[in-house]
């Protein structure tokens, strides 16, 4: 294989890579708004867990009932008064 053939192969492969990079950049530039909106939607979905709960519905937290003492537990004794 002569040196000219090697140079031609390198030139063609360089042109293909350059066209791929320019084409990808052009696609991102043209569709940047749609890409940004898609990323925003996916981020909000992952943060909110699939959707925004309706206000006033049963999905709102009511407090921390897991920290309240059980109702069947005896009350702590009172400290003696002096």
PDB file of N, CA and C in Angstrom:
ATOM      1  N   UNK A   1       0.853  -1.167   0.000  1.00  0.00           N
ATOM      2  CA  UNK A   1       0.000   0.000   0.000  1.00  0.00           C
ATOM      3  C   UNK A   1       0.905   1.238   0.000  1.00  0.00           C
ATOM      4  N   UNK A   2       0.620   2.111  -0.887  1.00  0.00           N
ATOM      5  CA  UNK A   2       1.492   3.281  -1.005  1.00  0.00           C
ATOM      6  C   UNK A   2       1.127   4.355   0.010  1.00  0.00           C
ATOM      7  N   UNK A   3       1.993   5.278   0.167  1.00  0.00           N
ATOM      8  CA  UNK A   3       1.809   6.361   1.134  1.00  0.00           C
ATOM      9  C   UNK A   3       0.595   7.215   0.759  1.00  0.00           C
ATOM     10  N   UNK A   4       0.350   7.375  -0.528  1.00  0.00           N
ATOM     11  CA  UNK A   4      -0.792   8.176  -0.976  1.00  0.00           C
ATOM     12  C   UNK A   4      -2.115   7.541  -0.538  1.00  0.00           C
ATOM     13  N   UNK A   5      -2.223   6.228  -0.578  1.00  0.00           N
ATOM     14  CA  UNK A   5      -3.447   5.538  -0.173  1.00  0.00           C
ATOM     15  C   UNK A   5      -3.694   5.719   1.332  1.00  0.00           C
ATOM     16  N   UNK A   6      -2.644   5.654   2.133  1.00  0.00           N
ATOM     17  CA  UNK A   6      -2.760   5.842   3.579  1.00  0.00           C
ATOM     18  C   UNK A   6      -3.251   7.254   3.878  1.00  0.00           C
ATOM     19  N   UNK A   7      -2.687   8.233   3.181  1.00  0.00           N
ATOM     20  CA  UNK A   7      -3.099   9.625   3.378  1.00  0.00           C
ATOM     21  C   UNK A   7      -4.556   9.809   2.976  1.00  0.00           C
ATOM     22  N   UNK A   8      -4.973   9.181   1.887  1.00  0.00           N
ATOM     23  CA  UNK A   8      -6.369   9.287   1.442  1.00  0.00           C
ATOM     24  C   UNK A   8      -7.327   8.660   2.449  1.00  0.00           C
ATOM     25  N   UNK A   9      -6.972   7.519   3.012  1.00  0.00           N
ATOM     26  CA  UNK A   9      -7.814   6.863   4.014  1.00  0.00           C
ATOM     27  C   UNK A   9      -7.929   7.749   5.252  1.00  0.00           C
ATOM     28  N   UNK A  10      -6.821   8.321   5.690  1.00  0.00           N
ATOM     29  CA  UNK A  10      -6.843   9.215   6.844  1.00  0.00           C
ATOM     30  C   UNK A  10      -7.681  10.457   6.561  1.00  0.00           C
ATOM     31  N   UNK A  11      -7.616  10.995   5.372  1.00  0.00           N
ATOM     32  CA  UNK A  11      -8.389  12.181   5.016  1.00  0.00           C
ATOM     33  C   UNK A  11      -9.882  11.877   4.999  1.00  0.00           C
ATOM     34  N   UNK A  12     -10.252  10.740   4.454  1.00  0.00           N
ATOM     35  CA  UNK A  12     -11.667  10.363   4.407  1.00  0.00           C
ATOM     36  C   UNK A  12     -12.195  10.104   5.817  1.00  0.00           C
ATOM     37  N   UNK A  13     -11.427   9.392   6.632  1.00  0.00           N
ATOM     38  CA  UNK A  13     -11.889   9.126   7.999  1.00  0.00           C
ATOM     39  C   UNK A  13     -11.964  10.421   8.809  1.00  0.00           C
ATOM     40  N   UNK A  14     -11.050  11.342   8.588  1.00  0.00           N
ATOM     41  CA  UNK A  14     -11.107  12.635   9.261  1.00  0.00           C
ATOM     42  C   UNK A  14     -12.340  13.415   8.837  1.00  0.00           C
ATOM     43  N   UNK A  15     -12.679  13.378   7.579  1.00  0.00           N
ATOM     44  CA  UNK A  15     -13.873  14.066   7.087  1.00  0.00           C
ATOM     45  C   UNK A  15     -15.141  13.460   7.685  1.00  0.00           C
ATOM     46  N   UNK A  16     -15.180  12.142   7.805  1.00  0.00           N
ATOM     47  CA  UNK A  16     -16.356  11.481   8.389  1.00  0.00           C
ATOM     48  C   UNK A  16     -16.523  11.884   9.846  1.00  0.00           C
ATOM     49  N   UNK A  17     -15.444  11.905  10.603  1.00  0.00           N
ATOM     50  CA  UNK A  17     -15.514  12.299  12.013  1.00  0.00           C
ATOM     51  C   UNK A  17     -15.935  13.761  12.137  1.00  0.00           C
ATOM     52  N   UNK A  18     -15.375  14.623  11.299  1.00  0.00           N
ATOM     53  CA  UNK A  18     -15.736  16.039  11.337  1.00  0.00           C
ATOM     54  C   UNK A  18     -17.208  16.240  11.020  1.00  0.00           C
ATOM     55  N   UNK A  19     -17.720  15.556  10.020  1.00  0.00           N
ATOM     56  CA  UNK A  19     -19.142  15.673   9.677  1.00  0.00           C
ATOM     57  C   UNK A  19     -20.038  15.154  10.797  1.00  0.00           C
ATOM     58  N   UNK A  20     -19.608  14.105  11.475  1.00  0.00           N
ATOM     59  CA  UNK A  20     -20.395  13.573  12.585  1.00  0.00           C
ATOM     60  C   UNK A  20     -20.451  14.563  13.740  1.00  0.00           C
ATOM     61  N   UNK A  21     -19.332  15.206  14.047  1.00  0.00           N
ATOM     62  CA  UNK A  21     -19.292  16.191  15.132  1.00  0.00           C
ATOM     63  C   UNK A  21     -20.150  17.406  14.774  1.00  0.00           C
ATOM     64  N   UNK A  22     -20.010  17.910  13.561  1.00  0.00           N
ATOM     65  CA  UNK A  22     -20.794  19.073  13.139  1.00  0.00           C
ATOM     66  C   UNK A  22     -22.280  18.726  13.089  1.00  0.00           C
ATOM     67  N   UNK A  23     -22.610  17.553  12.627  1.00  0.00           N
ATOM     68  CA  UNK A  23     -24.009  17.135  12.584  1.00  0.00           C
ATOM     69  C   UNK A  23     -24.609  16.999  13.971  1.00  0.00           C
ATOM     70  N   UNK A  24     -23.866  16.437  14.906  1.00  0.00           N
ATOM     71  CA  UNK A  24     -24.354  16.302  16.282  1.00  0.00           C
ATOM     72  C   UNK A  24     -24.539  17.667  16.925  1.00  0.00           C
ATOM     73  N   UNK A  25     -23.588  18.555  16.736  1.00  0.00           N
ATOM     74  CA  UNK A  25     -23.698  19.904  17.297  1.00  0.00           C
ATOM     75  C   UNK A  25     -24.881  20.637  16.681  1.00  0.00           C
ATOM     76  N   UNK A  26     -25.090  20.477  15.398  1.00  0.00           N
ATOM     77  CA  UNK A  26     -26.235  21.110  14.733  1.00  0.00           C
ATOM     78  C   UNK A  26     -27.551  20.575  15.266  1.00  0.00           C
ATOM     79  N   UNK A  27     -27.633  19.265  15.475  1.00  0.00           N
ATOM     80  CA  UNK A  27     -28.860  18.671  16.023  1.00  0.00           C
ATOM     81  C   UNK A  27     -29.156  19.216  17.416  1.00  0.00           C
ATOM     82  N   UNK A  28     -28.140  19.290  18.262  1.00  0.00           N
ATOM     83  CA  UNK A  28     -28.329  19.813  19.618  1.00  0.00           C
ATOM     84  C   UNK A  28     -28.722  21.280  19.562  1.00  0.00           C
ATOM     85  N   UNK A  29     -28.111  22.057  18.672  1.00  0.00           N
ATOM     86  CA  UNK A  29     -28.437  23.479  18.563  1.00  0.00           C
ATOM     87  C   UNK A  29     -29.879  23.684  18.112  1.00  0.00           C
ATOM     88  N   UNK A  30     -30.327  22.921  17.150  1.00  0.00           N
ATOM     89  CA  UNK A  30     -31.689  23.074  16.625  1.00  0.00           C
ATOM     90  C   UNK A  30     -32.720  22.601  17.652  1.00  0.00           C
ATOM     91  N   UNK A  31     -32.445  21.539  18.372  1.00  0.00           N
ATOM     92  CA  UNK A  31     -33.417  20.948  19.294  1.00  0.00           C
ATOM     93  C   UNK A  31     -33.122  21.261  20.756  1.00  0.00           C
ATOM     94  N   UNK A  32     -32.380  22.329  21.036  1.00  0.00           N
ATOM     95  CA  UNK A  32     -31.959  22.609  22.411  1.00  0.00           C
ATOM     96  C   UNK A  32     -33.134  22.866  23.335  1.00  0.00           C
ATOM     97  N   UNK A  33     -34.180  23.548  22.878  1.00  0.00           N
ATOM     98  CA  UNK A  33     -35.339  23.824  23.734  1.00  0.00           C
ATOM     99  C   UNK A  33     -36.050  22.535  24.130  1.00  0.00           C
ATOM    100  N   UNK A  34     -36.249  21.648  23.179  1.00  0.00           N
ATOM    101  CA  UNK A  34     -36.916  20.377  23.471  1.00  0.00           C
ATOM    102  C   UNK A  34     -36.069  19.524  24.414  1.00  0.00           C
ATOM    103  N   UNK A  35     -34.767  19.547  24.234  1.00  0.00           N
ATOM    104  CA  UNK A  35     -33.873  18.772  25.103  1.00  0.00           C
ATOM    105  C   UNK A  35     -33.920  19.316  26.520  1.00  0.00           C
ATOM    106  N   UNK A  36     -33.904  20.646  26.668  1.00  0.00           N
ATOM    107  CA  UNK A  36     -33.946  21.267  27.995  1.00  0.00           C
ATOM    108  C   UNK A  36     -35.263  20.952  28.689  1.00  0.00           C
ATOM    109  N   UNK A  37     -36.375  21.044  27.975  1.00  0.00           N
ATOM    110  CA  UNK A  37     -37.682  20.743  28.569  1.00  0.00           C
ATOM    111  C   UNK A  37     -37.773  19.284  28.995  1.00  0.00           C
ATOM    112  N   UNK A  38     -37.230  18.385  28.195  1.00  0.00           N
ATOM    113  CA  UNK A  38     -37.253  16.962  28.539  1.00  0.00           C
ATOM    114  C   UNK A  38     -36.452  16.693  29.804  1.00  0.00           C
ATOM    115  N   UNK A  39     -35.295  17.335  29.916  1.00  0.00           N
ATOM    116  CA  UNK A  39     -34.477  17.152  31.110  1.00  0.00           C
ATOM    117  C   UNK A  39     -35.181  17.731  32.335  1.00  0.00           C
ATOM    118  N   UNK A  40     -35.827  18.896  32.181  1.00  0.00           N
ATOM    119  CA  UNK A  40     -36.569  19.496  33.300  1.00  0.00           C
ATOM    120  C   UNK A  40     -37.693  18.583  33.765  1.00  0.00           C
ATOM    121  N   UNK A  41     -38.457  18.031  32.813  1.00  0.00           N
ATOM    122  CA  UNK A  41     -39.564  17.137  33.168  1.00  0.00           C
ATOM    123  C   UNK A  41     -39.057  15.906  33.913  1.00  0.00           C
ATOM    124  N   UNK A  42     -37.979  15.322  33.435  1.00  0.00           N
ATOM    125  CA  UNK A  42     -37.442  14.129  34.088  1.00  0.00           C
ATOM    126  C   UNK A  42     -36.913  14.453  35.477  1.00  0.00           C
ATOM    127  N   UNK A  43     -36.294  15.625  35.644  1.00  0.00           N
ATOM    128  CA  UNK A  43     -35.788  16.020  36.960  1.00  0.00           C
ATOM    129  C   UNK A  43     -36.936  16.255  37.931  1.00  0.00           C
ATOM    130  N   UNK A  44     -37.977  16.939  37.483  1.00  0.00           N
ATOM    131  CA  UNK A  44     -39.125  17.199  38.356  1.00  0.00           C
ATOM    132  C   UNK A  44     -39.824  15.890  38.724  1.00  0.00           C
ATOM    133  N   UNK A  45     -39.913  14.978  37.785  1.00  0.00           N
ATOM    134  CA  UNK A  45     -40.550  13.686  38.053  1.00  0.00           C
ATOM    135  C   UNK A  45     -39.764  12.891  39.085  1.00  0.00           C
ATOM    136  N   UNK A  46     -38.443  12.938  38.997  1.00  0.00           N
ATOM    137  CA  UNK A  46     -37.642  12.190  39.964  1.00  0.00           C
ATOM    138  C   UNK A  46     -37.682  12.836  41.341  1.00  0.00           C
ATOM    139  N   UNK A  47     -37.784  14.174  41.396  1.00  0.00           N
ATOM    140  CA  UNK A  47     -37.825  14.867  42.678  1.00  0.00           C
ATOM    141  C   UNK A  47     -39.188  14.711  43.338  1.00  0.00           C
ATOM    142  N   UNK A  48     -40.248  14.879  42.554  1.00  0.00           N
ATOM    143  CA  UNK A  48     -41.599  14.855  43.112  1.00  0.00           C
ATOM    144  C   UNK A  48     -42.204  13.456  43.134  1.00  0.00           C
ATOM    145  N   UNK A  49     -41.566  12.501  42.579  1.00  0.00           N
ATOM    146  CA  UNK A  49     -42.067  11.134  42.622  1.00  0.00           C
ATOM    147  C   UNK A  49     -43.215  10.874  41.678  1.00  0.00           C
ATOM    148  N   UNK A  50     -43.202  11.474  40.523  1.00  0.00           N
ATOM    149  CA  UNK A  50     -44.200  11.143  39.521  1.00  0.00           C
ATOM    150  C   UNK A  50     -45.271  12.180  39.332  1.00  0.00           C
ATOM    151  N   UNK A  51     -45.393  13.126  40.192  1.00  0.00           N
ATOM    152  CA  UNK A  51     -46.413  14.149  39.993  1.00  0.00           C
ATOM    153  C   UNK A  51     -46.569  15.009  41.213  1.00  0.00           C
ATOM    154  N   UNK A  52     -47.265  16.097  41.028  1.00  0.00           N
ATOM    155  CA  UNK A  52     -47.506  17.023  42.125  1.00  0.00           C
ATOM    156  C   UNK A  52     -48.785  16.584  42.831  1.00  0.00           C
ATOM    157  N   UNK A  53     -48.752  16.367  44.154  1.00  0.00           N
ATOM    158  CA  UNK A  53     -49.970  15.969  44.850  1.00  0.00           C
ATOM    159  C   UNK A  53     -50.965  17.126  44.880  1.00  0.00           C
ATOM    160  N   UNK A  54     -52.242  16.793  44.889  1.00  0.00           N
ATOM    161  CA  UNK A  54     -53.256  17.835  44.929  1.00  0.00           C
ATOM    162  C   UNK A  54     -53.293  18.450  46.314  1.00  0.00           C
ATOM    163  N   UNK A  55     -53.472  19.750  46.374  1.00  0.00           N
ATOM    164  CA  UNK A  55     -53.512  20.441  47.652  1.00  0.00           C
ATOM    165  C   UNK A  55     -54.825  20.109  48.359  1.00  0.00           C
ATOM    166  N   UNK A  56     -54.737  19.850  49.649  1.00  0.00           N
ATOM    167  CA  UNK A  56     -55.936  19.538  50.415  1.00  0.00           C
ATOM    168  C   UNK A  56     -56.353  18.088  50.330  1.00  0.00           C
ATOM    169  N   UNK A  57     -55.616  17.268  49.612  1.00  0.00           N
ATOM    170  CA  UNK A  57     -55.990  15.865  49.479  1.00  0.00           C
ATOM    171  C   UNK A  57     -55.433  15.029  50.616  1.00  0.00           C
ATOM    172  N   UNK A  58     -55.622  13.741  50.528  1.00  0.00           N
ATOM    173  CA  UNK A  58     -55.147  12.826  51.557  1.00  0.00           C
ATOM    174  C   UNK A  58     -53.643  12.580  51.470  1.00  0.00           C
ATOM    175  N   UNK A  59     -53.003  13.116  50.449  1.00  0.00           N
ATOM    176  CA  UNK A  59     -51.574  12.859  50.276  1.00  0.00           C
ATOM    177  C   UNK A  59     -50.703  13.795  51.096  1.00  0.00           C
ATOM    178  N   UNK A  60     -51.304  14.800  51.757  1.00  0.00           N
ATOM    179  CA  UNK A  60     -50.506  15.719  52.554  1.00  0.00           C
ATOM    180  C   UNK A  60     -50.095  15.072  53.868  1.00  0.00           C
ATOM    181  N   UNK A  61     -48.900  15.358  54.347  1.00  0.00           N
ATOM    182  CA  UNK A  61     -48.476  14.797  55.631  1.00  0.00           C
ATOM    183  C   UNK A  61     -49.270  15.422  56.783  1.00  0.00           C
ATOM    184  N   UNK A  62     -49.511  14.638  57.821  1.00  0.00           N
ATOM    185  CA  UNK A  62     -50.299  15.123  58.957  1.00  0.00           C
ATOM    186  C   UNK A  62     -49.435  15.351  60.184  1.00  0.00           C
ATOM    187  N   UNK A  63     -48.174  15.162  60.099  1.00  0.00           N
ATOM    188  CA  UNK A  63     -47.294  15.355  61.250  1.00  0.00           C
ATOM    189  C   UNK A  63     -46.347  14.193  61.376  1.00  0.00           C
ATOM    190  N   UNK A  64     -45.959  13.909  62.613  1.00  0.00           N
ATOM    191  CA  UNK A  64     -45.022  12.822  62.864  1.00  0.00           C
ATOM    192  C   UNK A  64     -45.629  11.850  63.867  1.00  0.00           C
ATOM    193  N   UNK A  65     -46.623  11.081  63.465  1.00  0.00           N
ATOM    194  CA  UNK A  65     -47.222  10.154  64.409  1.00  0.00           C
ATOM    195  C   UNK A  65     -46.265   9.048  64.852  1.00  0.00           C
ATOM    196  N   UNK A  66     -45.221   8.799  64.080  1.00  0.00           N
ATOM    197  CA  UNK A  66     -44.277   7.753  64.472  1.00  0.00           C
ATOM    198  C   UNK A  66     -43.420   8.188  65.657  1.00  0.00           C
ATOM    199  N   UNK A  67     -43.377   9.497  65.989  1.00  0.00           N
ATOM    200  CA  UNK A  67     -42.606   9.969  67.127  1.00  0.00           C
ATOM    201  C   UNK A  67     -43.458  10.101  68.387  1.00  0.00           C
ATOM    202  N   UNK A  68     -44.764  10.007  68.257  1.00  0.00           N
ATOM    203  CA  UNK A  68     -45.646  10.116  69.417  1.00  0.00           C
ATOM    204  C   UNK A  68     -45.547   8.833  70.238  1.00  0.00           C
ATOM    205  N   UNK A  69     -45.669   8.931  71.561  1.00  0.00           N
ATOM    206  CA  UNK A  69     -45.595   7.716  72.377  1.00  0.00           C
ATOM    207  C   UNK A  69     -46.824   6.847  72.128  1.00  0.00           C
ATOM    208  N   UNK A  70     -46.671   5.561  72.219  1.00  0.00           N
ATOM    209  CA  UNK A  70     -47.814   4.675  72.023  1.00  0.00           C
ATOM    210  C   UNK A  70     -48.879   4.933  73.093  1.00  0.00           C
ATOM    211  N   UNK A  71     -50.125   4.723  72.753  1.00  0.00           N
ATOM    212  CA  UNK A  71     -51.217   4.994  73.687  1.00  0.00           C
ATOM    213  C   UNK A  71     -51.292   3.967  74.805  1.00  0.00           C
ATOM    214  N   UNK A  72     -50.763   2.766  74.599  1.00  0.00           N
ATOM    215  CA  UNK A  72     -50.826   1.741  75.637  1.00  0.00           C
ATOM    216  C   UNK A  72     -49.641   1.811  76.609  1.00  0.00           C
ATOM    217  N   UNK A  73     -48.736   2.769  76.403  1.00  0.00           N
ATOM    218  CA  UNK A  73     -47.565   2.895  77.264  1.00  0.00           C
ATOM    219  C   UNK A  73     -47.936   3.747  78.484  1.00  0.00           C
ATOM    220  N   UNK A  74     -47.457   3.342  79.640  1.00  0.00           N
ATOM    221  CA  UNK A  74     -47.724   4.087  80.853  1.00  0.00           C
ATOM    222  C   UNK A  74     -47.001   5.404  80.838  1.00  0.00           C
ATOM    223  N   UNK A  75     -47.581   6.401  81.458  1.00  0.00           N
ATOM    224  CA  UNK A  75     -46.975   7.729  81.510  1.00  0.00           C
ATOM    225  C   UNK A  75     -45.766   7.699  82.449  1.00  0.00           C
ATOM    226  N   UNK A  76     -44.814   8.563  82.196  1.00  0.00           N
ATOM    227  CA  UNK A  76     -43.620   8.661  83.038  1.00  0.00           C
ATOM    228  C   UNK A  76     -44.012   9.230  84.402  1.00  0.00           C
ATOM    229  N   UNK A  77     -43.383   8.759  85.456  1.00  0.00           N
ATOM    230  CA  UNK A  77     -43.729   9.306  86.794  1.00  0.00           C
ATOM    231  C   UNK A  77     -43.320  10.763  86.888  1.00  0.00           C
ATOM    232  N   UNK A  78     -44.087  11.490  87.703  1.00  0.00           N
ATOM    233  CA  UNK A  78     -43.797  12.921  87.869  1.00  0.00           C
ATOM    234  C   UNK A  78     -42.657  13.072  88.871  1.00  0.00           C
ATOM    235  N   UNK A  79     -41.922  14.151  88.684  1.00  0.00           N
ATOM    236  CA  UNK A  79     -40.826  14.443  89.628  1.00  0.00           C
ATOM    237  C   UNK A  79     -41.415  14.916  90.945  1.00  0.00           C
ATOM    238  N   UNK A  80     -40.817  14.550  92.065  1.00  0.00           N
ATOM    239  CA  UNK A  80     -41.347  14.987  93.354  1.00  0.00           C
ATOM    240  C   UNK A  80     -41.213  16.505  93.499  1.00  0.00           C
ATOM    241  N   UNK A  81     -42.229  17.114  94.083  1.00  0.00           N
ATOM    242  CA  UNK A  81     -42.185  18.565  94.263  1.00  0.00           C
ATOM    243  C   UNK A  81     -41.577  18.867  95.627  1.00  0.00           C
ATOM    244  N   UNK A  82     -40.863  19.928  95.741  1.00  0.00           N
ATOM    245  CA  UNK A  82     -40.211  20.297  96.986  1.00  0.00           C
ATOM    246  C   UNK A  82     -40.928  21.380  97.708  1.00  0.00           C
TER     247      UNK A  82
END
